[in-house]
Amino acid sequence: YLAFTWAVIVAAVTVAGIWTHWWTLVLAFVVVSAQQQVLLNIEHDCIHASFTRRKKRDELIGILFCASPAGSPWHATRARHLAHHRFITTDTDPDLPLHTTADKASTGQLIRYFGLGLLGGYALMVLLKGSPSAVSRAQKVRDLRNLVIAQLVLWGAAWLAFDWWTYLVLWVLPLITLTTVCHLLRSFIEHAVLTEERPNHDNLLVSISSNPVERALVAPFNMNYHAEHHLYPAVPARKLPGVRVALASTPDPPRLLRTPYLTALFRYAQPVR
């Protein structure tokens, strides 16, 4: 799966690099963004040591082939994500700003929030924000080193194969715009709960019944099975559909099942919360 993801990235960049037209650039931009989401979601599986079921091997795969190329500091991301699992529904959840409704209570606020993400504002904020306190100085240095080396390798490879701008237009730009806003959309819909959905779903466990387009751009690698993942974080992503089937047979499934991401967002944007 990981090898196929990188093969798609190389193929998309190659097509745009050889036959450079506006439509090949747009196509490659979207395809690369979708595969960047895959890399970040495989990193997520590696964080839980459930990609290959070997912790050290998953860490190596996560750092070399997923996190560092996709601009994610491995140790900081792991600390933050595991804290999110531990403290969800509390004010100490580090991902609370991603799904809190306090600053997204109106259509205008939603447009501003996602618009800022699409324009690179969220990526800049993450870049300037410090690492969690659980991350040691040595880990921060390793994260920075890994990120710099990975980006220089990608830039050098793209420059040698095509031109200097290829890396910037077809890797960095998708990463800080479309990939980021899709990540924000997924994070919000998977935990934000409407007033009428409370108090039955105060655990904030939401699962999405998505469509093929969203599963490619927003939630590849079964990330739309998000409540199932929170309930059973050690289960590999590839097996989460089976968890949903098992939960459906229980008398009171402990999660909220939503329609596709964009439909859920439009429903949330209605005046009544």
Protein backbone atom coordinates (compact mmCIF):
# COMPACT_ATOMS: atom_id res chain seq x y z
CA TYR A 1 0.00 0.00 0.00
CA LEU A 2 2.80 2.39 0.91
CA ALA A 3 4.81 1.47 -2.19
CA PHE A 4 1.76 2.02 -4.38
CA THR A 5 1.21 5.44 -2.79
CA TRP A 6 4.74 6.58 -3.62
CA ALA A 7 4.43 5.10 -7.13
CA VAL A 8 1.31 7.23 -7.72
CA ILE A 9 3.13 10.33 -6.47
CA VAL A 10 6.08 9.72 -8.79
CA ALA A 11 3.76 9.02 -11.73
CA ALA A 12 1.71 12.19 -11.16
CA VAL A 13 4.79 14.41 -10.87
CA THR A 14 6.38 12.74 -13.90
CA VAL A 15 3.34 13.36 -16.08
CA ALA A 16 3.24 17.04 -15.07
CA GLY A 17 7.01 17.36 -15.41
CA ILE A 18 7.14 15.93 -18.93
CA TRP A 19 3.87 17.31 -20.32
CA THR A 20 3.66 20.62 -18.48
CA HIS A 21 0.25 22.17 -19.10
CA TRP A 22 -2.14 23.85 -16.70
CA TRP A 23 -4.41 20.79 -16.63
CA THR A 24 -1.59 18.31 -15.96
CA LEU A 25 -0.36 20.56 -13.14
CA VAL A 26 -3.86 20.75 -11.63
CA LEU A 27 -4.31 16.99 -11.96
CA ALA A 28 -0.92 16.27 -10.40
CA PHE A 29 -1.62 18.81 -7.65
CA VAL A 30 -4.82 17.02 -6.62
CA VAL A 31 -3.37 13.52 -6.95
CA VAL A 32 -0.28 14.40 -4.92
CA SER A 33 -2.43 16.01 -2.23
CA ALA A 34 -4.54 12.85 -1.97
CA GLN A 35 -1.41 10.73 -1.60
CA GLN A 36 -0.01 13.10 1.02
CA GLN A 37 -3.15 12.37 3.03
CA VAL A 38 -2.40 8.67 2.63
CA LEU A 39 1.14 9.17 3.93
CA LEU A 40 -0.13 11.08 6.96
CA ASN A 41 -2.70 8.38 7.67
CA ILE A 42 -0.13 5.61 7.36
CA GLU A 43 1.99 7.63 9.79
CA HIS A 44 -1.04 7.59 12.09
CA ASP A 45 -1.16 3.78 11.89
CA CYS A 46 2.58 3.64 12.56
CA ILE A 47 2.11 5.83 15.64
CA HIS A 48 -0.22 3.16 17.02
CA ALA A 49 2.26 0.44 15.96
CA SER A 50 -0.48 -1.20 13.92
CA PHE A 51 0.83 -0.80 10.36
CA THR A 52 3.18 -3.80 10.42
CA ARG A 53 2.54 -4.73 14.09
CA ARG A 54 6.22 -4.17 14.96
CA LYS A 55 6.76 -1.00 16.95
CA LYS A 56 10.36 -0.28 15.94
CA ARG A 57 9.71 -1.12 12.30
CA ASP A 58 6.59 1.04 12.28
CA GLU A 59 8.55 3.94 13.77
CA LEU A 60 11.23 3.61 11.07
CA ILE A 61 8.63 3.41 8.28
CA GLY A 62 6.66 6.28 9.78
CA ILE A 63 9.67 8.58 9.99
CA LEU A 64 11.40 7.75 6.69
CA PHE A 65 8.52 7.27 4.29
CA CYS A 66 5.57 9.14 5.79
CA ALA A 67 6.10 11.80 8.44
CA SER A 68 9.31 13.50 7.30
CA PRO A 69 8.37 13.75 3.60
CA ALA A 70 4.88 14.99 4.51
CA GLY A 71 6.23 17.68 6.85
CA SER A 72 5.12 16.01 10.09
CA PRO A 73 7.57 15.97 13.04
CA TRP A 74 7.28 12.35 14.16
CA HIS A 75 7.91 12.61 17.91
CA ALA A 76 5.81 15.75 18.35
CA THR A 77 2.96 14.30 16.28
CA ARG A 78 3.03 11.03 18.19
CA ALA A 79 2.96 12.78 21.56
CA ARG A 80 0.11 15.03 20.47
CA HIS A 81 -1.97 12.26 18.94
CA LEU A 82 -1.65 9.86 21.86
CA ALA A 83 -2.62 12.72 24.18
CA HIS A 84 -5.64 13.35 21.97
CA HIS A 85 -6.74 9.74 22.50
CA ARG A 86 -6.15 10.01 26.24
CA PHE A 87 -7.86 13.35 26.83
CA ILE A 88 -10.64 13.55 24.24
CA THR A 89 -13.80 15.23 25.64
CA THR A 90 -11.63 17.23 28.08
CA ASP A 91 -10.14 20.72 27.90
CA THR A 92 -6.64 19.22 27.85
CA ASP A 93 -7.16 17.50 24.49
CA PRO A 94 -4.40 19.02 22.30
CA ASP A 95 -6.66 18.63 19.24
CA LEU A 96 -9.53 20.54 20.84
CA PRO A 97 -8.97 23.62 18.61
CA LEU A 98 -9.56 21.38 15.57
CA HIS A 99 -13.06 20.33 16.57
CA THR A 100 -14.31 22.84 19.13
CA THR A 101 -17.42 24.67 17.99
CA ALA A 102 -16.74 27.81 20.04
CA ASP A 103 -15.03 29.67 17.20
CA LYS A 104 -17.01 27.96 14.40
CA ALA A 105 -20.56 28.77 15.48
CA SER A 106 -21.60 30.62 12.32
CA THR A 107 -21.28 30.12 8.58
CA GLY A 108 -18.94 33.09 8.40
CA GLN A 109 -16.66 31.66 11.07
CA LEU A 110 -16.58 28.31 9.29
CA ILE A 111 -15.65 29.99 6.00
CA ARG A 112 -12.93 31.97 7.74
CA TYR A 113 -11.55 28.87 9.50
CA PHE A 114 -11.38 26.62 6.44
CA GLY A 115 -10.41 29.50 4.15
CA LEU A 116 -7.42 30.26 6.35
CA GLY A 117 -6.43 26.61 6.18
CA LEU A 118 -6.72 26.57 2.39
CA LEU A 119 -4.52 29.67 2.13
CA GLY A 120 -1.76 28.13 4.24
CA GLY A 121 -2.50 29.91 7.51
CA TYR A 122 -2.91 26.73 9.55
CA ALA A 123 0.29 25.22 8.15
CA LEU A 124 2.17 28.39 9.13
CA MET A 125 0.70 28.29 12.63
CA VAL A 126 1.79 24.66 13.08
CA LEU A 127 5.26 25.53 11.82
CA LEU A 128 5.64 28.35 14.35
CA LYS A 129 4.04 26.48 17.24
CA GLY A 130 6.29 24.68 19.68
CA SER A 131 6.31 20.93 20.28
CA PRO A 132 4.37 19.33 23.18
CA SER A 133 6.14 19.40 26.54
CA ALA A 134 6.35 15.59 26.46
CA VAL A 135 8.86 15.84 23.61
CA SER A 136 12.49 16.08 24.69
CA ARG A 137 14.97 18.52 23.21
CA ALA A 138 16.84 15.64 21.56
CA GLN A 139 13.62 14.45 19.92
CA LYS A 140 12.85 17.96 18.68
CA VAL A 141 16.32 18.15 17.12
CA ARG A 142 15.85 14.76 15.45
CA ASP A 143 12.44 15.80 14.13
CA LEU A 144 13.88 18.97 12.63
CA ARG A 145 16.84 17.11 11.14
CA ASN A 146 14.59 14.48 9.59
CA LEU A 147 12.25 17.09 8.11
CA VAL A 148 15.08 19.12 6.59
CA ILE A 149 16.83 16.08 5.11
CA ALA A 150 13.60 14.68 3.65
CA GLN A 151 12.62 17.97 2.03
CA LEU A 152 16.11 18.50 0.59
CA VAL A 153 16.06 14.98 -0.87
CA LEU A 154 12.64 15.56 -2.43
CA TRP A 155 13.65 18.96 -3.80
CA GLY A 156 16.92 17.64 -5.17
CA ALA A 157 15.27 14.64 -6.83
CA ALA A 158 12.55 16.78 -8.43
CA TRP A 159 15.11 19.37 -9.57
CA LEU A 160 17.38 16.76 -11.14
CA ALA A 161 14.47 15.03 -12.88
CA PHE A 162 12.53 18.10 -14.02
CA ASP A 163 13.04 21.66 -12.72
CA TRP A 164 13.58 23.61 -9.49
CA TRP A 165 9.94 24.69 -9.22
CA THR A 166 8.50 21.17 -9.46
CA TYR A 167 8.98 20.42 -5.76
CA LEU A 168 7.52 23.77 -4.69
CA VAL A 169 4.43 23.61 -6.93
CA LEU A 170 3.70 19.89 -6.76
CA TRP A 171 4.78 19.05 -3.22
CA VAL A 172 4.96 22.04 -0.89
CA LEU A 173 1.96 23.94 -2.28
CA PRO A 174 -0.48 20.98 -2.11
CA LEU A 175 0.81 20.13 1.38
CA ILE A 176 0.14 23.57 2.89
CA THR A 177 -3.17 24.20 1.10
CA LEU A 178 -5.43 21.37 -0.12
CA THR A 179 -3.92 18.66 2.07
CA THR A 180 -4.17 20.92 5.12
CA VAL A 181 -7.78 21.99 4.55
CA CYS A 182 -8.83 18.36 3.98
CA HIS A 183 -7.14 17.46 7.27
CA LEU A 184 -9.01 20.29 9.02
CA LEU A 185 -12.32 19.18 7.52
CA ARG A 186 -11.80 15.59 8.61
CA SER A 187 -10.70 16.53 12.13
CA PHE A 188 -13.68 18.84 12.62
CA ILE A 189 -16.42 16.54 11.32
CA GLU A 190 -15.06 13.53 13.19
CA HIS A 191 -15.46 15.14 16.62
CA ALA A 192 -17.70 18.24 16.45
CA VAL A 193 -21.17 17.39 17.80
CA LEU A 194 -24.36 19.33 17.12
CA THR A 195 -26.59 20.46 19.99
CA GLU A 196 -29.33 18.04 18.96
CA GLU A 197 -26.78 15.20 18.92
CA ARG A 198 -26.02 15.72 22.59
CA PRO A 199 -26.09 14.29 25.23
CA ASN A 200 -26.21 10.86 23.57
CA HIS A 201 -22.87 11.49 21.87
CA ASP A 202 -20.88 13.50 24.41
CA ASN A 203 -18.07 11.00 23.94
CA LEU A 204 -17.43 12.81 20.59
CA LEU A 205 -17.01 9.50 18.78
CA VAL A 206 -18.13 10.08 15.20
CA SER A 207 -17.81 7.77 12.23
CA ILE A 208 -18.42 8.81 8.63
CA SER A 209 -20.27 6.95 5.91
CA SER A 210 -18.25 8.54 3.13
CA ASN A 211 -18.10 8.43 -0.67
CA PRO A 212 -15.21 7.46 -3.00
CA VAL A 213 -14.11 11.05 -3.69
CA GLU A 214 -13.87 11.91 0.01
CA ARG A 215 -12.16 8.61 0.76
CA ALA A 216 -9.51 9.59 -1.76
CA LEU A 217 -9.00 13.25 -0.81
CA VAL A 218 -10.10 13.57 2.82
CA ALA A 219 -10.02 10.20 4.56
CA PRO A 220 -7.98 7.55 2.72
CA PHE A 221 -6.81 4.39 4.45
CA ASN A 222 -10.14 3.96 6.28
CA MET A 223 -9.78 7.12 8.35
CA ASN A 224 -13.53 7.70 8.03
CA TYR A 225 -13.93 4.80 10.48
CA HIS A 226 -12.83 7.21 13.18
CA ALA A 227 -15.05 6.25 16.09
CA GLU A 228 -14.12 2.63 15.54
CA HIS A 229 -10.46 3.65 15.72
CA HIS A 230 -10.94 5.53 19.00
CA LEU A 231 -12.77 2.58 20.51
CA TYR A 232 -10.12 0.09 19.35
CA PRO A 233 -6.92 2.07 18.59
CA ALA A 234 -4.77 -1.07 18.35
CA VAL A 235 -6.81 -2.42 15.42
CA PRO A 236 -5.03 -1.81 12.07
CA ALA A 237 -6.77 0.64 9.76
CA ARG A 238 -7.32 -2.05 7.14
CA LYS A 239 -9.52 -3.98 9.60
CA LEU A 240 -11.69 -1.11 10.83
CA PRO A 241 -14.58 -1.84 8.40
CA GLY A 242 -15.02 -5.15 10.23
CA VAL A 243 -15.19 -3.28 13.53
CA ARG A 244 -18.05 -1.15 12.18
CA VAL A 245 -19.95 -4.26 11.12
CA ALA A 246 -19.47 -5.77 14.58
CA LEU A 247 -20.62 -2.58 16.31
CA ALA A 248 -23.72 -2.36 14.13
CA SER A 249 -24.96 -5.62 15.63
CA THR A 250 -24.81 -4.28 19.19
CA PRO A 251 -28.03 -2.91 20.77
CA ASP A 252 -26.61 0.57 21.41
CA PRO A 253 -23.55 1.33 19.23
CA PRO A 254 -21.27 3.75 21.18
CA ARG A 255 -20.76 6.13 18.28
CA LEU A 256 -22.51 8.56 15.97
CA LEU A 257 -22.69 7.60 12.30
CA ARG A 258 -22.67 10.60 9.95
CA THR A 259 -23.20 11.19 6.26
CA PRO A 260 -20.25 12.23 4.03
CA TYR A 261 -17.94 14.96 5.31
CA LEU A 262 -19.20 17.82 3.13
CA THR A 263 -22.84 16.93 3.76
CA ALA A 264 -22.18 16.88 7.49
CA LEU A 265 -20.40 20.24 7.25
CA PHE A 266 -23.33 21.84 5.38
CA ARG A 267 -25.71 20.44 7.97
CA TYR A 268 -23.60 21.88 10.77
CA ALA A 269 -23.53 25.27 9.02
CA GLN A 270 -27.32 25.58 9.32
CA PRO A 271 -28.50 28.29 11.75
CA VAL A 272 -29.77 25.81 14.36
CA ARG A 273 -27.07 24.03 16.37
